[in-house]
Amino acid sequence: MLGMRIRLKVCCIASVDEARLAISYGADALGLVGPMPSGPGPIPLETIAQIAAATPPPIATFLLTSETQPTAIVAQWQQCCTTTIQLTDRVEPEHYAALRAALPGIKLVQVIHVIGPESLTEAKEFGKVADALLLDSGNPALAVKELGGTGRVHDWEVSAAICAAVACPVFLAGGLRPDNITEAVRTVRPFGVDLCSGVRTDGKLAPEKLAAFVQALAGGREERARG
């Protein structure tokens, strides 16, 4: 993967205007947050559908769902029609066949919340069934689940081990900012990076922060290509 351009996914997109702004700065994918037990960014499914319909190819649109059962996931997706579904909670591997049968052509991205070294075992399990993994810093074990958008950095050494151990693409999320993205890319060597809070001011996508992140990411891309 050395020399490959690192994909940029901008999450918590709230409107068509924010989608256009993210795309104008080079976003390869947009994260659209459905109902969640906690965290920032949920928008109505109708708004997700509007953004997805207005997003031109080849930009990918990710529906973030906290549902864990195939019927509920499919029903939610049918209201949005995104290109991709990001499963923010654990969806048992045996459910993937049902999802693929019901949603042919829709990519499935499983979130792995990097709690500790045990997350490597979970990632290896899902690396066999998902189209991609996304490593985040939530905690599904809490009474009120954290399924993303925490703004926290997790242990990148575990994330690096996951990237080295699985064959599918891996996105890195969790507290990424202009001042740490170069180190993150150097350490983890992900296929793509995912950001939300690091490019927002008062909940709004901030052009100046997005520009700074994109510039820093470009430096990280160049360093990885040299390495």
C-alpha atoms as a PDB file:
ATOM      1  CA  MET A   1       0.000   0.000   0.000  1.00  0.00           C
ATOM      2  CA  LEU A   2       3.025   2.295   0.015  1.00  0.00           C
ATOM      3  CA  GLY A   3       2.461   5.173  -2.354  1.00  0.00           C
ATOM      4  CA  MET A   4      -1.312   4.681  -2.412  1.00  0.00           C
ATOM      5  CA  ARG A   5      -3.297   7.865  -1.883  1.00  0.00           C
ATOM      6  CA  ILE A   6      -4.926   7.837   1.528  1.00  0.00           C
ATOM      7  CA  ARG A   7      -8.691   8.231   1.224  1.00  0.00           C
ATOM      8  CA  LEU A   8     -10.424  11.023   3.108  1.00  0.00           C
ATOM      9  CA  LYS A   9     -13.822  10.447   4.708  1.00  0.00           C
ATOM     10  CA  VAL A  10     -15.516  13.452   6.305  1.00  0.00           C
ATOM     11  CA  CYS A  11     -18.152  12.358   8.787  1.00  0.00           C
ATOM     12  CA  CYS A  12     -21.110  14.008  10.527  1.00  0.00           C
ATOM     13  CA  ILE A  13     -22.168  15.775   7.319  1.00  0.00           C
ATOM     14  CA  ALA A  14     -25.369  17.652   8.139  1.00  0.00           C
ATOM     15  CA  SER A  15     -26.540  19.159   4.850  1.00  0.00           C
ATOM     16  CA  VAL A  16     -26.072  19.221   1.094  1.00  0.00           C
ATOM     17  CA  ASP A  17     -24.013  22.411   1.531  1.00  0.00           C
ATOM     18  CA  GLU A  18     -21.667  20.665   3.988  1.00  0.00           C
ATOM     19  CA  ALA A  19     -21.388  17.746   1.584  1.00  0.00           C
ATOM     20  CA  ARG A  20     -20.380  20.084  -1.225  1.00  0.00           C
ATOM     21  CA  LEU A  21     -17.868  21.826   1.031  1.00  0.00           C
ATOM     22  CA  ALA A  22     -16.252  18.526   2.019  1.00  0.00           C
ATOM     23  CA  ILE A  23     -16.106  17.377  -1.607  1.00  0.00           C
ATOM     24  CA  SER A  24     -14.545  20.680  -2.660  1.00  0.00           C
ATOM     25  CA  TYR A  25     -11.661  19.949  -0.271  1.00  0.00           C
ATOM     26  CA  GLY A  26     -11.119  16.466  -1.675  1.00  0.00           C
ATOM     27  CA  ALA A  27     -13.347  14.193   0.378  1.00  0.00           C
ATOM     28  CA  ASP A  28     -13.626  10.711  -1.119  1.00  0.00           C
ATOM     29  CA  ALA A  29     -16.501   9.730   1.181  1.00  0.00           C
ATOM     30  CA  LEU A  30     -19.146  11.370   3.347  1.00  0.00           C
ATOM     31  CA  GLY A  31     -20.396  10.035   6.677  1.00  0.00           C
ATOM     32  CA  LEU A  32     -24.126  10.515   7.326  1.00  0.00           C
ATOM     33  CA  VAL A  33     -25.155   9.711  10.885  1.00  0.00           C
ATOM     34  CA  GLY A  34     -28.472   8.010  11.561  1.00  0.00           C
ATOM     35  CA  PRO A  35     -30.046   7.533  15.007  1.00  0.00           C
ATOM     36  CA  MET A  36     -27.425   6.896  17.695  1.00  0.00           C
ATOM     37  CA  PRO A  37     -27.567   6.276  21.449  1.00  0.00           C
ATOM     38  CA  SER A  38     -25.071   9.115  22.004  1.00  0.00           C
ATOM     39  CA  GLY A  39     -22.579  11.357  20.262  1.00  0.00           C
ATOM     40  CA  PRO A  40     -22.664  14.161  17.699  1.00  0.00           C
ATOM     41  CA  GLY A  41     -24.040  14.381  14.210  1.00  0.00           C
ATOM     42  CA  PRO A  42     -27.340  12.452  13.918  1.00  0.00           C
ATOM     43  CA  ILE A  43     -29.607  13.849  11.225  1.00  0.00           C
ATOM     44  CA  PRO A  44     -33.042  12.716   9.992  1.00  0.00           C
ATOM     45  CA  LEU A  45     -33.042   9.807   7.572  1.00  0.00           C
ATOM     46  CA  GLU A  46     -34.836  12.056   5.085  1.00  0.00           C
ATOM     47  CA  THR A  47     -31.872  14.434   5.153  1.00  0.00           C
ATOM     48  CA  ILE A  48     -29.469  11.540   4.651  1.00  0.00           C
ATOM     49  CA  ALA A  49     -31.468  10.528   1.580  1.00  0.00           C
ATOM     50  CA  GLN A  50     -31.308  14.094   0.203  1.00  0.00           C
ATOM     51  CA  ILE A  51     -27.543  14.302   0.675  1.00  0.00           C
ATOM     52  CA  ALA A  52     -26.979  10.845  -0.800  1.00  0.00           C
ATOM     53  CA  ALA A  53     -29.073  11.716  -3.861  1.00  0.00           C
ATOM     54  CA  ALA A  54     -27.168  14.980  -4.372  1.00  0.00           C
ATOM     55  CA  THR A  55     -23.705  13.420  -4.059  1.00  0.00           C
ATOM     56  CA  PRO A  56     -22.079  12.671  -7.419  1.00  0.00           C
ATOM     57  CA  PRO A  57     -20.093   9.558  -8.146  1.00  0.00           C
ATOM     58  CA  PRO A  58     -17.432   8.468  -7.393  1.00  0.00           C
ATOM     59  CA  ILE A  59     -17.920  10.042  -3.940  1.00  0.00           C
ATOM     60  CA  ALA A  60     -19.119   7.370  -1.502  1.00  0.00           C
ATOM     61  CA  THR A  61     -21.939   8.014   0.962  1.00  0.00           C
ATOM     62  CA  PHE A  62     -21.876   6.124   4.264  1.00  0.00           C
ATOM     63  CA  LEU A  63     -25.034   5.589   6.320  1.00  0.00           C
ATOM     64  CA  LEU A  64     -23.916   5.234   9.936  1.00  0.00           C
ATOM     65  CA  THR A  65     -26.322   2.884  11.670  1.00  0.00           C
ATOM     66  CA  SER A  66     -26.438   1.631  15.241  1.00  0.00           C
ATOM     67  CA  GLU A  67     -28.833  -1.172  14.313  1.00  0.00           C
ATOM     68  CA  THR A  68     -27.466  -4.693  14.693  1.00  0.00           C
ATOM     69  CA  GLN A  69     -30.143  -6.907  13.120  1.00  0.00           C
ATOM     70  CA  PRO A  70     -30.336  -7.367   9.333  1.00  0.00           C
ATOM     71  CA  THR A  71     -34.025  -6.511   8.982  1.00  0.00           C
ATOM     72  CA  ALA A  72     -33.627  -3.224  10.875  1.00  0.00           C
ATOM     73  CA  ILE A  73     -30.442  -2.311   8.992  1.00  0.00           C
ATOM     74  CA  VAL A  74     -32.083  -2.985   5.625  1.00  0.00           C
ATOM     75  CA  ALA A  75     -35.205  -1.034   6.572  1.00  0.00           C
ATOM     76  CA  GLN A  76     -33.103   1.960   7.604  1.00  0.00           C
ATOM     77  CA  TRP A  77     -30.982   1.845   4.455  1.00  0.00           C
ATOM     78  CA  GLN A  78     -34.097   1.704   2.253  1.00  0.00           C
ATOM     79  CA  GLN A  79     -34.987   5.185   3.541  1.00  0.00           C
ATOM     80  CA  CYS A  80     -31.546   6.580   2.638  1.00  0.00           C
ATOM     81  CA  CYS A  81     -30.088   4.701  -0.377  1.00  0.00           C
ATOM     82  CA  THR A  82     -26.409   5.383   0.355  1.00  0.00           C
ATOM     83  CA  THR A  83     -23.605   3.541  -1.414  1.00  0.00           C
ATOM     84  CA  THR A  84     -22.232   2.159   1.845  1.00  0.00           C
ATOM     85  CA  ILE A  85     -23.400   1.163   5.316  1.00  0.00           C
ATOM     86  CA  GLN A  86     -21.143   1.801   8.303  1.00  0.00           C
ATOM     87  CA  LEU A  87     -22.051  -0.600  11.105  1.00  0.00           C
ATOM     88  CA  THR A  88     -21.108   1.319  14.250  1.00  0.00           C
ATOM     89  CA  ASP A  89     -22.058  -1.478  16.657  1.00  0.00           C
ATOM     90  CA  ARG A  90     -21.178  -5.147  16.468  1.00  0.00           C
ATOM     91  CA  VAL A  91     -23.178  -6.959  13.789  1.00  0.00           C
ATOM     92  CA  GLU A  92     -22.544 -10.659  14.139  1.00  0.00           C
ATOM     93  CA  PRO A  93     -20.522 -12.075  11.229  1.00  0.00           C
ATOM     94  CA  GLU A  94     -23.234 -14.595  10.415  1.00  0.00           C
ATOM     95  CA  HIS A  95     -25.616 -11.706   9.643  1.00  0.00           C
ATOM     96  CA  TYR A  96     -23.482 -10.463   6.756  1.00  0.00           C
ATOM     97  CA  ALA A  97     -24.841 -13.023   4.300  1.00  0.00           C
ATOM     98  CA  ALA A  98     -28.394 -11.799   4.894  1.00  0.00           C
ATOM     99  CA  LEU A  99     -27.324  -8.185   4.434  1.00  0.00           C
ATOM    100  CA  ARG A 100     -25.544  -8.943   1.179  1.00  0.00           C
ATOM    101  CA  ALA A 101     -28.522 -10.906  -0.137  1.00  0.00           C
ATOM    102  CA  ALA A 102     -30.882  -8.023   0.651  1.00  0.00           C
ATOM    103  CA  LEU A 103     -28.527  -5.221  -0.417  1.00  0.00           C
ATOM    104  CA  PRO A 104     -26.540  -6.360  -3.452  1.00  0.00           C
ATOM    105  CA  GLY A 105     -23.812  -3.927  -4.409  1.00  0.00           C
ATOM    106  CA  ILE A 106     -23.938  -2.001  -1.120  1.00  0.00           C
ATOM    107  CA  LYS A 107     -20.615  -1.963   0.715  1.00  0.00           C
ATOM    108  CA  LEU A 108     -20.501  -2.959   4.384  1.00  0.00           C
ATOM    109  CA  VAL A 109     -17.970  -1.303   6.689  1.00  0.00           C
ATOM    110  CA  GLN A 110     -17.655  -2.695  10.207  1.00  0.00           C
ATOM    111  CA  VAL A 111     -16.521  -0.360  12.977  1.00  0.00           C
ATOM    112  CA  ILE A 112     -14.031  -1.804  15.447  1.00  0.00           C
ATOM    113  CA  HIS A 113     -13.808   0.238  18.627  1.00  0.00           C
ATOM    114  CA  VAL A 114     -10.184  -0.073  19.679  1.00  0.00           C
ATOM    115  CA  ILE A 115     -10.384  -0.729  23.397  1.00  0.00           C
ATOM    116  CA  GLY A 116      -7.163  -2.716  23.739  1.00  0.00           C
ATOM    117  CA  PRO A 117      -5.171  -5.594  22.246  1.00  0.00           C
ATOM    118  CA  GLU A 118      -8.322  -7.733  22.185  1.00  0.00           C
ATOM    119  CA  SER A 119      -9.600  -5.502  19.393  1.00  0.00           C
ATOM    120  CA  LEU A 120      -7.058  -7.173  17.075  1.00  0.00           C
ATOM    121  CA  THR A 121      -8.876 -10.484  17.467  1.00  0.00           C
ATOM    122  CA  GLU A 122     -12.212  -8.848  16.676  1.00  0.00           C
ATOM    123  CA  ALA A 123     -10.756  -7.084  13.647  1.00  0.00           C
ATOM    124  CA  LYS A 124      -9.371 -10.333  12.245  1.00  0.00           C
ATOM    125  CA  GLU A 125     -12.839 -11.871  12.623  1.00  0.00           C
ATOM    126  CA  PHE A 126     -14.591  -9.076  10.715  1.00  0.00           C
ATOM    127  CA  GLY A 127     -11.813  -8.636   8.194  1.00  0.00           C
ATOM    128  CA  LYS A 128     -13.038 -11.867   6.632  1.00  0.00           C
ATOM    129  CA  VAL A 129     -16.630 -10.684   6.047  1.00  0.00           C
ATOM    130  CA  ALA A 130     -16.658  -6.868   5.780  1.00  0.00           C
ATOM    131  CA  ASP A 131     -15.686  -4.812   2.744  1.00  0.00           C
ATOM    132  CA  ALA A 132     -13.628  -2.567   5.028  1.00  0.00           C
ATOM    133  CA  LEU A 133     -13.004  -1.873   8.706  1.00  0.00           C
ATOM    134  CA  LEU A 134     -13.121   1.486  10.459  1.00  0.00           C
ATOM    135  CA  LEU A 135     -11.142   1.821  13.687  1.00  0.00           C
ATOM    136  CA  ASP A 136     -12.737   4.226  16.146  1.00  0.00           C
ATOM    137  CA  SER A 137     -12.530   5.187  19.820  1.00  0.00           C
ATOM    138  CA  GLY A 138     -16.002   4.433  21.149  1.00  0.00           C
ATOM    139  CA  ASN A 139     -17.050   2.013  23.854  1.00  0.00           C
ATOM    140  CA  PRO A 140     -20.088  -0.180  23.112  1.00  0.00           C
ATOM    141  CA  ALA A 141     -19.843  -1.750  26.590  1.00  0.00           C
ATOM    142  CA  LEU A 142     -21.053   1.380  28.418  1.00  0.00           C
ATOM    143  CA  ALA A 143     -24.623   1.616  29.719  1.00  0.00           C
ATOM    144  CA  VAL A 144     -25.188   4.331  27.101  1.00  0.00           C
ATOM    145  CA  LYS A 145     -23.133   3.080  24.190  1.00  0.00           C
ATOM    146  CA  GLU A 146     -20.450   5.272  22.636  1.00  0.00           C
ATOM    147  CA  LEU A 147     -20.400   4.370  18.955  1.00  0.00           C
ATOM    148  CA  GLY A 148     -18.294   7.197  17.532  1.00  0.00           C
ATOM    149  CA  GLY A 149     -17.735  10.918  17.497  1.00  0.00           C
ATOM    150  CA  THR A 150     -15.859  10.909  20.815  1.00  0.00           C
ATOM    151  CA  GLY A 151     -12.936  13.014  19.593  1.00  0.00           C
ATOM    152  CA  ARG A 152     -10.601  10.671  21.498  1.00  0.00           C
ATOM    153  CA  VAL A 153      -7.413   9.137  20.141  1.00  0.00           C
ATOM    154  CA  HIS A 154      -6.984   5.415  20.782  1.00  0.00           C
ATOM    155  CA  ASP A 155      -3.861   3.250  20.819  1.00  0.00           C
ATOM    156  CA  TRP A 156      -2.459   3.577  17.307  1.00  0.00           C
ATOM    157  CA  GLU A 157      -0.107   0.664  17.873  1.00  0.00           C
ATOM    158  CA  VAL A 158      -3.132  -1.632  18.065  1.00  0.00           C
ATOM    159  CA  SER A 159      -4.539   0.012  14.939  1.00  0.00           C
ATOM    160  CA  ALA A 160      -1.222  -0.530  13.142  1.00  0.00           C
ATOM    161  CA  ALA A 161      -1.300  -4.207  14.106  1.00  0.00           C
ATOM    162  CA  ILE A 162      -4.823  -4.476  12.714  1.00  0.00           C
ATOM    163  CA  CYS A 163      -3.839  -2.848   9.406  1.00  0.00           C
ATOM    164  CA  ALA A 164      -0.968  -5.308   9.091  1.00  0.00           C
ATOM    165  CA  ALA A 165      -3.109  -8.322   9.961  1.00  0.00           C
ATOM    166  CA  VAL A 166      -6.177  -7.931   7.716  1.00  0.00           C
ATOM    167  CA  ALA A 167      -6.485  -8.001   3.941  1.00  0.00           C
ATOM    168  CA  CYS A 168      -9.416  -5.575   3.624  1.00  0.00           C
ATOM    169  CA  PRO A 169      -9.049  -1.755   3.603  1.00  0.00           C
ATOM    170  CA  VAL A 170      -8.907  -0.058   7.017  1.00  0.00           C
ATOM    171  CA  PHE A 171     -10.010   3.493   7.850  1.00  0.00           C
ATOM    172  CA  LEU A 172      -8.608   5.207  10.926  1.00  0.00           C
ATOM    173  CA  ALA A 173     -10.883   7.444  13.014  1.00  0.00           C
ATOM    174  CA  GLY A 174     -10.822   8.918  16.487  1.00  0.00           C
ATOM    175  CA  GLY A 175      -9.514  12.361  17.429  1.00  0.00           C
ATOM    176  CA  LEU A 176      -7.664  13.056  14.175  1.00  0.00           C
ATOM    177  CA  ARG A 177      -6.557  16.666  13.765  1.00  0.00           C
ATOM    178  CA  PRO A 178      -4.114  18.663  11.614  1.00  0.00           C
ATOM    179  CA  ASP A 179      -1.476  18.428  14.359  1.00  0.00           C
ATOM    180  CA  ASN A 180      -1.549  14.633  14.692  1.00  0.00           C
ATOM    181  CA  ILE A 181      -2.535  13.276  11.274  1.00  0.00           C
ATOM    182  CA  THR A 182       1.048  12.947   9.998  1.00  0.00           C
ATOM    183  CA  GLU A 183       2.013  10.831  13.012  1.00  0.00           C
ATOM    184  CA  ALA A 184      -1.201   8.831  12.686  1.00  0.00           C
ATOM    185  CA  VAL A 185      -0.496   7.981   9.050  1.00  0.00           C
ATOM    186  CA  ARG A 186       3.141   7.179   9.798  1.00  0.00           C
ATOM    187  CA  THR A 187       2.197   4.857  12.669  1.00  0.00           C
ATOM    188  CA  VAL A 188      -0.927   3.129  11.383  1.00  0.00           C
ATOM    189  CA  ARG A 189      -0.553   3.245   7.574  1.00  0.00           C
ATOM    190  CA  PRO A 190      -4.312   3.114   6.970  1.00  0.00           C
ATOM    191  CA  PHE A 191      -6.155   2.912   3.671  1.00  0.00           C
ATOM    192  CA  GLY A 192      -8.154   5.989   4.678  1.00  0.00           C
ATOM    193  CA  VAL A 193      -8.818   8.420   7.507  1.00  0.00           C
ATOM    194  CA  ASP A 194     -12.134   9.548   8.949  1.00  0.00           C
ATOM    195  CA  LEU A 195     -12.772  12.789  10.794  1.00  0.00           C
ATOM    196  CA  CYS A 196     -15.613  14.687  12.409  1.00  0.00           C
ATOM    197  CA  SER A 197     -14.934  16.869  15.453  1.00  0.00           C
ATOM    198  CA  GLY A 198     -11.427  17.864  14.333  1.00  0.00           C
ATOM    199  CA  VAL A 199     -12.759  19.968  11.460  1.00  0.00           C
ATOM    200  CA  ARG A 200     -15.753  21.551  13.169  1.00  0.00           C
ATOM    201  CA  THR A 201     -16.437  24.735  15.113  1.00  0.00           C
ATOM    202  CA  ASP A 202     -19.602  24.837  17.224  1.00  0.00           C
ATOM    203  CA  GLY A 203     -20.768  21.745  15.381  1.00  0.00           C
ATOM    204  CA  LYS A 204     -20.392  23.288  11.922  1.00  0.00           C
ATOM    205  CA  LEU A 205     -17.944  22.132   9.284  1.00  0.00           C
ATOM    206  CA  ALA A 206     -15.222  24.783   9.309  1.00  0.00           C
ATOM    207  CA  PRO A 207     -13.489  25.494   5.974  1.00  0.00           C
ATOM    208  CA  GLU A 208     -10.289  26.735   7.625  1.00  0.00           C
ATOM    209  CA  LYS A 209      -9.970  23.584   9.775  1.00  0.00           C
ATOM    210  CA  LEU A 210     -10.788  21.354   6.830  1.00  0.00           C
ATOM    211  CA  ALA A 211      -8.169  23.109   4.707  1.00  0.00           C
ATOM    212  CA  ALA A 212      -5.558  22.715   7.465  1.00  0.00           C
ATOM    213  CA  PHE A 213      -6.361  19.035   7.835  1.00  0.00           C
ATOM    214  CA  VAL A 214      -6.181  18.394   4.098  1.00  0.00           C
ATOM    215  CA  GLN A 215      -2.819  20.166   3.921  1.00  0.00           C
ATOM    216  CA  ALA A 216      -1.466  18.118   6.835  1.00  0.00           C
ATOM    217  CA  LEU A 217      -2.852  14.908   5.333  1.00  0.00           C
ATOM    218  CA  ALA A 218      -1.063  15.679   2.080  1.00  0.00           C
ATOM    219  CA  GLY A 219       2.180  15.867   4.054  1.00  0.00           C
ATOM    220  CA  GLY A 220       1.402  12.541   5.666  1.00  0.00           C
ATOM    221  CA  ARG A 221       0.664  11.002   2.286  1.00  0.00           C
ATOM    222  CA  GLU A 222       4.003  12.191   0.915  1.00  0.00           C
ATOM    223  CA  GLU A 223       5.869  10.868   3.946  1.00  0.00           C
ATOM    224  CA  ARG A 224       4.202   7.478   3.654  1.00  0.00           C
ATOM    225  CA  ALA A 225       5.004   7.315  -0.048  1.00  0.00           C
ATOM    226  CA  ARG A 226       8.678   7.949   0.742  1.00  0.00           C
ATOM    227  CA  GLY A 227       8.631   5.341   3.530  1.00  0.00           C
END
